[in-house]
Structures are given as structure tokens and as C-alpha cells.
Amino acid sequence: MPVDAAEDEQLLFVLPDNWVEIYTDRTEDLSTSEYIPNGQTEEDWSEMISVQILLEAGNSDPDLMLTKVANHLKKECSNLSIKPIQVTGISNTYPSVTMQTFCERKKDRDKGEVGIVRGIAGKESFYLLQKIWRTKPFRNEEEVPVNLEQRKFWLGYIAYLGICSPKLNNCPENISR
């Protein structure tokens, strides 16, 4: 990601090959970007990566923030289950929490969704990273239409992403200072 100001905290984000940005917006306190694979459309996607940065929400409690995300997802799903994932802890001095979500059926459409959600508490902002699969509806976790290998691969991707700050001197060498 481009460096806006050399002193600001930065998301270390790498867009996978053959993925394109379909949406971006920035308000006073929220920056949102969404990406899908080439060949899918904004209306009819089956995979998405969503990056939200809650500006000025630094040092937030990742557990509390992901609880808010889960409560929002529950409003959209007829049956939602959540599993914490042990990628938690501190990454480069930033606390983070990860969970997997299983929405058996969205309330507004005949689709289910499976997601990997990671929250990272930066010093300046809170970062919410999501990998989402839109699927056919399913009845329980045993029937999830996204295989375990795919979920493991994308969990590795989400776990790889992080943040850094030139002020703390914890950015990789190739990041502008």
C-alpha cells in the first residue's frame, strides 16, 4: 500500500495476483476497500477480501471489536456460528484476534457466507481484515461448502498481513520511511 505520510502507521497489505479492487471509500473515521478475483462482479461475487480501517480507534480491545463485528453479522444471518482461531496474540507489538464465521443463510438473499475475520489493534487505528466466501446456503458447519484446505490457505494469508510504524522502526526494509 502506498505510504500517505512517512510517520503514520501502515497496513502491510499484499493483494493476491488476479484480484481487483471493486470498492473504496473513506469517511472521517473509516476507510474501506473491497477486492474480488478477476472475472467476478461486484453484484455476483463468490470470494471477497475486505479491508476496513477504523481511523482514530487506536488501542481498541480486539476482543470487543470482533464482538461488535459478530453482533453485526448476526443481524444479517438466519443462523450464525463463530469459532475463534488461535492466530491470536501479539503481532509485531500489535494485539490481534481472529475468528471464523459461518452464516448458514443471509437474511436478504438465498446465499450463505463463510468468513475469516482478523482484527488488529494499532496504536493509531483498528484494522479489520476479512476473507469472505459467498456460498449456497448450508445447514451446519459439517456441510460448509468451502473446503478446509481453502480455509487454511486463506487463514495463512490473513495471518500474514500486519501493520507497522516508521515511528516504532518496525517496518520491513522495503517500506518507505
C-alpha atoms as a PDB file:
ATOM      1  CA  MET A   1       0.000   0.000   0.000  1.00  0.00           C
ATOM      2  CA  PRO A   2       1.265   3.477  -0.715  1.00  0.00           C
ATOM      3  CA  VAL A   3       2.664   5.455   2.153  1.00  0.00           C
ATOM      4  CA  ASP A   4       0.485   8.507   2.873  1.00  0.00           C
ATOM      5  CA  ALA A   5       2.807  10.055   5.441  1.00  0.00           C
ATOM      6  CA  ALA A   6       6.156   8.695   6.471  1.00  0.00           C
ATOM      7  CA  GLU A   7       5.262   8.943  10.166  1.00  0.00           C
ATOM      8  CA  ASP A   8       1.872   7.164  10.017  1.00  0.00           C
ATOM      9  CA  GLU A   9       1.061   3.589  10.896  1.00  0.00           C
ATOM     10  CA  GLN A  10       0.782   1.437   7.761  1.00  0.00           C
ATOM     11  CA  LEU A  11      -1.112  -1.685   6.811  1.00  0.00           C
ATOM     12  CA  LEU A  12       1.236  -4.229   5.263  1.00  0.00           C
ATOM     13  CA  PHE A  13      -1.207  -5.489   2.647  1.00  0.00           C
ATOM     14  CA  VAL A  14      -0.422  -7.549  -0.435  1.00  0.00           C
ATOM     15  CA  LEU A  15      -3.224  -8.032  -2.949  1.00  0.00           C
ATOM     16  CA  PRO A  16      -3.205 -11.579  -4.349  1.00  0.00           C
ATOM     17  CA  ASP A  17      -2.489 -11.987  -8.053  1.00  0.00           C
ATOM     18  CA  ASN A  18      -5.543 -11.642 -10.311  1.00  0.00           C
ATOM     19  CA  TRP A  19      -7.618  -9.796  -7.700  1.00  0.00           C
ATOM     20  CA  VAL A  20      -9.056  -6.328  -8.376  1.00  0.00           C
ATOM     21  CA  GLU A  21     -10.446  -3.533  -6.244  1.00  0.00           C
ATOM     22  CA  ILE A  22     -14.204  -3.111  -6.698  1.00  0.00           C
ATOM     23  CA  TYR A  23     -14.990  -0.618  -3.958  1.00  0.00           C
ATOM     24  CA  THR A  24     -13.170   2.005  -1.954  1.00  0.00           C
ATOM     25  CA  ASP A  25     -14.473   4.713   0.331  1.00  0.00           C
ATOM     26  CA  ARG A  26     -13.096   6.923   3.040  1.00  0.00           C
ATOM     27  CA  THR A  27     -15.040   8.936   5.563  1.00  0.00           C
ATOM     28  CA  GLU A  28     -13.782  10.911   8.515  1.00  0.00           C
ATOM     29  CA  ASP A  29     -13.360   7.812  10.677  1.00  0.00           C
ATOM     30  CA  LEU A  30     -13.500   4.793   8.316  1.00  0.00           C
ATOM     31  CA  SER A  31     -11.569   3.617   5.268  1.00  0.00           C
ATOM     32  CA  THR A  32     -12.995   0.635   3.362  1.00  0.00           C
ATOM     33  CA  SER A  33     -11.639  -1.306   0.374  1.00  0.00           C
ATOM     34  CA  GLU A  34     -13.075  -4.472  -1.186  1.00  0.00           C
ATOM     35  CA  TYR A  35     -11.416  -6.828  -3.652  1.00  0.00           C
ATOM     36  CA  ILE A  36     -12.610  -9.792  -5.741  1.00  0.00           C
ATOM     37  CA  PRO A  37     -10.932 -12.166  -8.200  1.00  0.00           C
ATOM     38  CA  ASN A  38     -10.800 -11.172 -11.879  1.00  0.00           C
ATOM     39  CA  GLY A  39     -13.884 -12.460 -13.678  1.00  0.00           C
ATOM     40  CA  GLN A  40     -16.279 -11.932 -10.763  1.00  0.00           C
ATOM     41  CA  THR A  41     -18.539  -8.900 -10.454  1.00  0.00           C
ATOM     42  CA  GLU A  42     -19.494  -6.555  -7.654  1.00  0.00           C
ATOM     43  CA  GLU A  43     -23.056  -7.911  -7.749  1.00  0.00           C
ATOM     44  CA  ASP A  44     -22.282 -11.604  -8.190  1.00  0.00           C
ATOM     45  CA  TRP A  45     -19.025 -12.434  -6.419  1.00  0.00           C
ATOM     46  CA  SER A  46     -18.180 -15.694  -4.669  1.00  0.00           C
ATOM     47  CA  GLU A  47     -14.953 -14.542  -2.976  1.00  0.00           C
ATOM     48  CA  MET A  48     -14.030 -11.192  -1.453  1.00  0.00           C
ATOM     49  CA  ILE A  49     -11.299  -9.606   0.634  1.00  0.00           C
ATOM     50  CA  SER A  50     -12.451  -6.645   2.704  1.00  0.00           C
ATOM     51  CA  VAL A  51     -10.126  -4.220   4.474  1.00  0.00           C
ATOM     52  CA  GLN A  52     -11.585  -1.707   6.903  1.00  0.00           C
ATOM     53  CA  ILE A  53      -9.513   0.756   8.886  1.00  0.00           C
ATOM     54  CA  LEU A  54     -11.281   2.433  11.776  1.00  0.00           C
ATOM     55  CA  LEU A  55      -9.327   5.653  11.927  1.00  0.00           C
ATOM     56  CA  GLU A  56      -8.709   7.182  15.341  1.00  0.00           C
ATOM     57  CA  ALA A  57      -9.685   3.857  17.006  1.00  0.00           C
ATOM     58  CA  GLY A  58      -6.159   3.004  18.075  1.00  0.00           C
ATOM     59  CA  ASN A  59      -5.501   0.817  21.108  1.00  0.00           C
ATOM     60  CA  SER A  60      -9.001  -0.690  20.881  1.00  0.00           C
ATOM     61  CA  ASP A  61      -9.640  -4.057  22.531  1.00  0.00           C
ATOM     62  CA  PRO A  62      -9.598  -6.621  19.657  1.00  0.00           C
ATOM     63  CA  ASP A  63     -11.993  -8.964  21.511  1.00  0.00           C
ATOM     64  CA  LEU A  64     -14.522  -6.181  21.984  1.00  0.00           C
ATOM     65  CA  MET A  65     -14.182  -5.013  18.378  1.00  0.00           C
ATOM     66  CA  LEU A  66     -14.692  -8.529  16.961  1.00  0.00           C
ATOM     67  CA  THR A  67     -17.690  -8.989  19.273  1.00  0.00           C
ATOM     68  CA  LYS A  68     -19.203  -5.898  17.605  1.00  0.00           C
ATOM     69  CA  VAL A  69     -18.492  -7.424  14.184  1.00  0.00           C
ATOM     70  CA  ALA A  70     -20.153 -10.697  15.259  1.00  0.00           C
ATOM     71  CA  ASN A  71     -23.224  -8.823  16.534  1.00  0.00           C
ATOM     72  CA  HIS A  72     -23.494  -7.027  13.183  1.00  0.00           C
ATOM     73  CA  LEU A  73     -23.204 -10.334  11.282  1.00  0.00           C
ATOM     74  CA  LYS A  74     -25.891 -11.934  13.479  1.00  0.00           C
ATOM     75  CA  LYS A  75     -28.358  -9.276  12.293  1.00  0.00           C
ATOM     76  CA  GLU A  76     -27.696 -10.321   8.668  1.00  0.00           C
ATOM     77  CA  CYS A  77     -27.788 -14.103   9.159  1.00  0.00           C
ATOM     78  CA  SER A  78     -30.567 -16.545   9.912  1.00  0.00           C
ATOM     79  CA  ASN A  79     -28.069 -18.728  11.792  1.00  0.00           C
ATOM     80  CA  LEU A  80     -24.510 -17.612  12.542  1.00  0.00           C
ATOM     81  CA  SER A  81     -21.837 -19.600  14.317  1.00  0.00           C
ATOM     82  CA  ILE A  82     -18.416 -18.303  15.265  1.00  0.00           C
ATOM     83  CA  LYS A  83     -15.184 -20.118  16.023  1.00  0.00           C
ATOM     84  CA  PRO A  84     -12.174 -18.346  17.489  1.00  0.00           C
ATOM     85  CA  ILE A  85      -8.946 -19.233  15.696  1.00  0.00           C
ATOM     86  CA  GLN A  86      -5.627 -19.490  17.503  1.00  0.00           C
ATOM     87  CA  VAL A  87      -3.748 -16.944  15.415  1.00  0.00           C
ATOM     88  CA  THR A  88      -4.321 -14.520  18.238  1.00  0.00           C
ATOM     89  CA  GLY A  89      -1.715 -12.828  20.296  1.00  0.00           C
ATOM     90  CA  ILE A  90       0.624 -10.016  19.548  1.00  0.00           C
ATOM     91  CA  SER A  91       1.943  -9.489  16.044  1.00  0.00           C
ATOM     92  CA  ASN A  92       4.825  -7.033  15.807  1.00  0.00           C
ATOM     93  CA  THR A  93       3.683  -5.436  19.124  1.00  0.00           C
ATOM     94  CA  TYR A  94       0.046  -5.139  17.967  1.00  0.00           C
ATOM     95  CA  PRO A  95      -2.664  -7.242  19.695  1.00  0.00           C
ATOM     96  CA  SER A  96      -4.861  -9.202  17.285  1.00  0.00           C
ATOM     97  CA  VAL A  97      -7.763 -11.649  17.353  1.00  0.00           C
ATOM     98  CA  THR A  98      -9.020 -13.937  14.569  1.00  0.00           C
ATOM     99  CA  MET A  99     -12.317 -15.787  14.149  1.00  0.00           C
ATOM    100  CA  GLN A 100     -14.072 -17.874  11.556  1.00  0.00           C
ATOM    101  CA  THR A 101     -17.722 -17.117  10.797  1.00  0.00           C
ATOM    102  CA  PHE A 102     -20.365 -19.425   9.341  1.00  0.00           C
ATOM    103  CA  CYS A 103     -23.556 -17.729   8.125  1.00  0.00           C
ATOM    104  CA  GLU A 104     -25.830 -20.556   7.000  1.00  0.00           C
ATOM    105  CA  ARG A 105     -28.160 -18.205   5.109  1.00  0.00           C
ATOM    106  CA  LYS A 106     -28.165 -14.437   4.638  1.00  0.00           C
ATOM    107  CA  LYS A 107     -31.497 -12.873   5.589  1.00  0.00           C
ATOM    108  CA  ASP A 108     -31.717 -10.788   2.402  1.00  0.00           C
ATOM    109  CA  ARG A 109     -30.660 -13.412  -0.163  1.00  0.00           C
ATOM    110  CA  ASP A 110     -30.539 -17.128  -0.823  1.00  0.00           C
ATOM    111  CA  LYS A 111     -26.820 -17.388  -0.058  1.00  0.00           C
ATOM    112  CA  GLY A 112     -24.616 -18.438   2.824  1.00  0.00           C
ATOM    113  CA  GLU A 113     -21.289 -16.906   3.777  1.00  0.00           C
ATOM    114  CA  VAL A 114     -18.110 -18.245   5.339  1.00  0.00           C
ATOM    115  CA  GLY A 115     -15.538 -15.791   6.604  1.00  0.00           C
ATOM    116  CA  ILE A 116     -12.177 -15.411   8.260  1.00  0.00           C
ATOM    117  CA  VAL A 117     -12.056 -12.178  10.242  1.00  0.00           C
ATOM    118  CA  ARG A 118      -8.949 -10.708  11.858  1.00  0.00           C
ATOM    119  CA  GLY A 119      -8.826  -7.571  13.949  1.00  0.00           C
ATOM    120  CA  ILE A 120      -5.539  -5.837  14.728  1.00  0.00           C
ATOM    121  CA  ALA A 121      -5.317  -3.058  17.297  1.00  0.00           C
ATOM    122  CA  GLY A 122      -2.865  -0.493  16.057  1.00  0.00           C
ATOM    123  CA  LYS A 123      -1.667   2.448  18.078  1.00  0.00           C
ATOM    124  CA  GLU A 124      -3.460   4.898  15.754  1.00  0.00           C
ATOM    125  CA  SER A 125      -6.278   2.852  14.118  1.00  0.00           C
ATOM    126  CA  PHE A 126      -8.065  -0.506  14.310  1.00  0.00           C
ATOM    127  CA  TYR A 127      -7.685  -2.802  11.285  1.00  0.00           C
ATOM    128  CA  LEU A 128     -10.376  -5.279  10.255  1.00  0.00           C
ATOM    129  CA  LEU A 129      -9.296  -7.802   7.603  1.00  0.00           C
ATOM    130  CA  GLN A 130     -11.803 -10.264   6.156  1.00  0.00           C
ATOM    131  CA  LYS A 131     -11.789 -13.074   3.614  1.00  0.00           C
ATOM    132  CA  ILE A 132     -15.368 -13.936   2.687  1.00  0.00           C
ATOM    133  CA  TRP A 133     -16.838 -16.705   0.571  1.00  0.00           C
ATOM    134  CA  ARG A 134     -20.421 -16.315  -0.660  1.00  0.00           C
ATOM    135  CA  THR A 135     -21.836 -19.838  -0.976  1.00  0.00           C
ATOM    136  CA  LYS A 136     -25.020 -21.772  -1.409  1.00  0.00           C
ATOM    137  CA  PRO A 137     -26.982 -21.956   1.877  1.00  0.00           C
ATOM    138  CA  PHE A 138     -25.848 -24.713   4.256  1.00  0.00           C
ATOM    139  CA  ARG A 139     -27.287 -26.288   7.403  1.00  0.00           C
ATOM    140  CA  ASN A 140     -24.348 -26.650   9.767  1.00  0.00           C
ATOM    141  CA  GLU A 141     -20.560 -26.488   9.966  1.00  0.00           C
ATOM    142  CA  GLU A 142     -20.220 -30.054   8.686  1.00  0.00           C
ATOM    143  CA  GLU A 143     -21.859 -29.002   5.409  1.00  0.00           C
ATOM    144  CA  VAL A 144     -19.742 -25.875   4.826  1.00  0.00           C
ATOM    145  CA  PRO A 145     -19.248 -25.581   1.051  1.00  0.00           C
ATOM    146  CA  VAL A 146     -15.693 -24.198   1.412  1.00  0.00           C
ATOM    147  CA  ASN A 147     -13.172 -26.974   1.909  1.00  0.00           C
ATOM    148  CA  LEU A 148     -10.749 -26.999   4.809  1.00  0.00           C
ATOM    149  CA  GLU A 149      -7.680 -26.621   2.579  1.00  0.00           C
ATOM    150  CA  GLN A 150      -9.021 -23.373   1.111  1.00  0.00           C
ATOM    151  CA  ARG A 151      -9.810 -22.050   4.574  1.00  0.00           C
ATOM    152  CA  LYS A 152      -6.302 -22.973   5.821  1.00  0.00           C
ATOM    153  CA  PHE A 153      -4.678 -21.261   2.830  1.00  0.00           C
ATOM    154  CA  TRP A 154      -6.599 -18.033   3.352  1.00  0.00           C
ATOM    155  CA  LEU A 155      -6.091 -18.143   7.106  1.00  0.00           C
ATOM    156  CA  GLY A 156      -2.359 -18.134   6.366  1.00  0.00           C
ATOM    157  CA  TYR A 157      -2.838 -15.129   4.081  1.00  0.00           C
ATOM    158  CA  ILE A 158      -4.856 -13.175   6.670  1.00  0.00           C
ATOM    159  CA  ALA A 159      -2.375 -14.102   9.415  1.00  0.00           C
ATOM    160  CA  TYR A 160       0.499 -12.842   7.224  1.00  0.00           C
ATOM    161  CA  LEU A 161      -0.940  -9.329   6.921  1.00  0.00           C
ATOM    162  CA  GLY A 162       0.059  -6.852   9.579  1.00  0.00           C
ATOM    163  CA  ILE A 163       0.813  -3.259  10.419  1.00  0.00           C
ATOM    164  CA  CYS A 164       3.944  -1.289  11.142  1.00  0.00           C
ATOM    165  CA  SER A 165       5.002   2.219  12.028  1.00  0.00           C
ATOM    166  CA  PRO A 166       8.147   4.031  10.949  1.00  0.00           C
ATOM    167  CA  LYS A 167       7.975   5.817  14.329  1.00  0.00           C
ATOM    168  CA  LEU A 168       8.469   2.452  16.034  1.00  0.00           C
ATOM    169  CA  ASN A 169      11.069   1.365  13.468  1.00  0.00           C
ATOM    170  CA  ASN A 170       9.242  -1.960  12.920  1.00  0.00           C
ATOM    171  CA  CYS A 171       8.562  -1.755   9.169  1.00  0.00           C
ATOM    172  CA  PRO A 172      10.230  -4.072   6.656  1.00  0.00           C
ATOM    173  CA  GLU A 173      13.252  -2.634   4.867  1.00  0.00           C
ATOM    174  CA  ASN A 174      11.400  -2.159   1.555  1.00  0.00           C
ATOM    175  CA  ILE A 175       8.780   0.188   3.108  1.00  0.00           C
ATOM    176  CA  SER A 176       9.447   3.896   2.558  1.00  0.00           C
ATOM    177  CA  ARG A 177      10.385   5.803   5.663  1.00  0.00           C
END
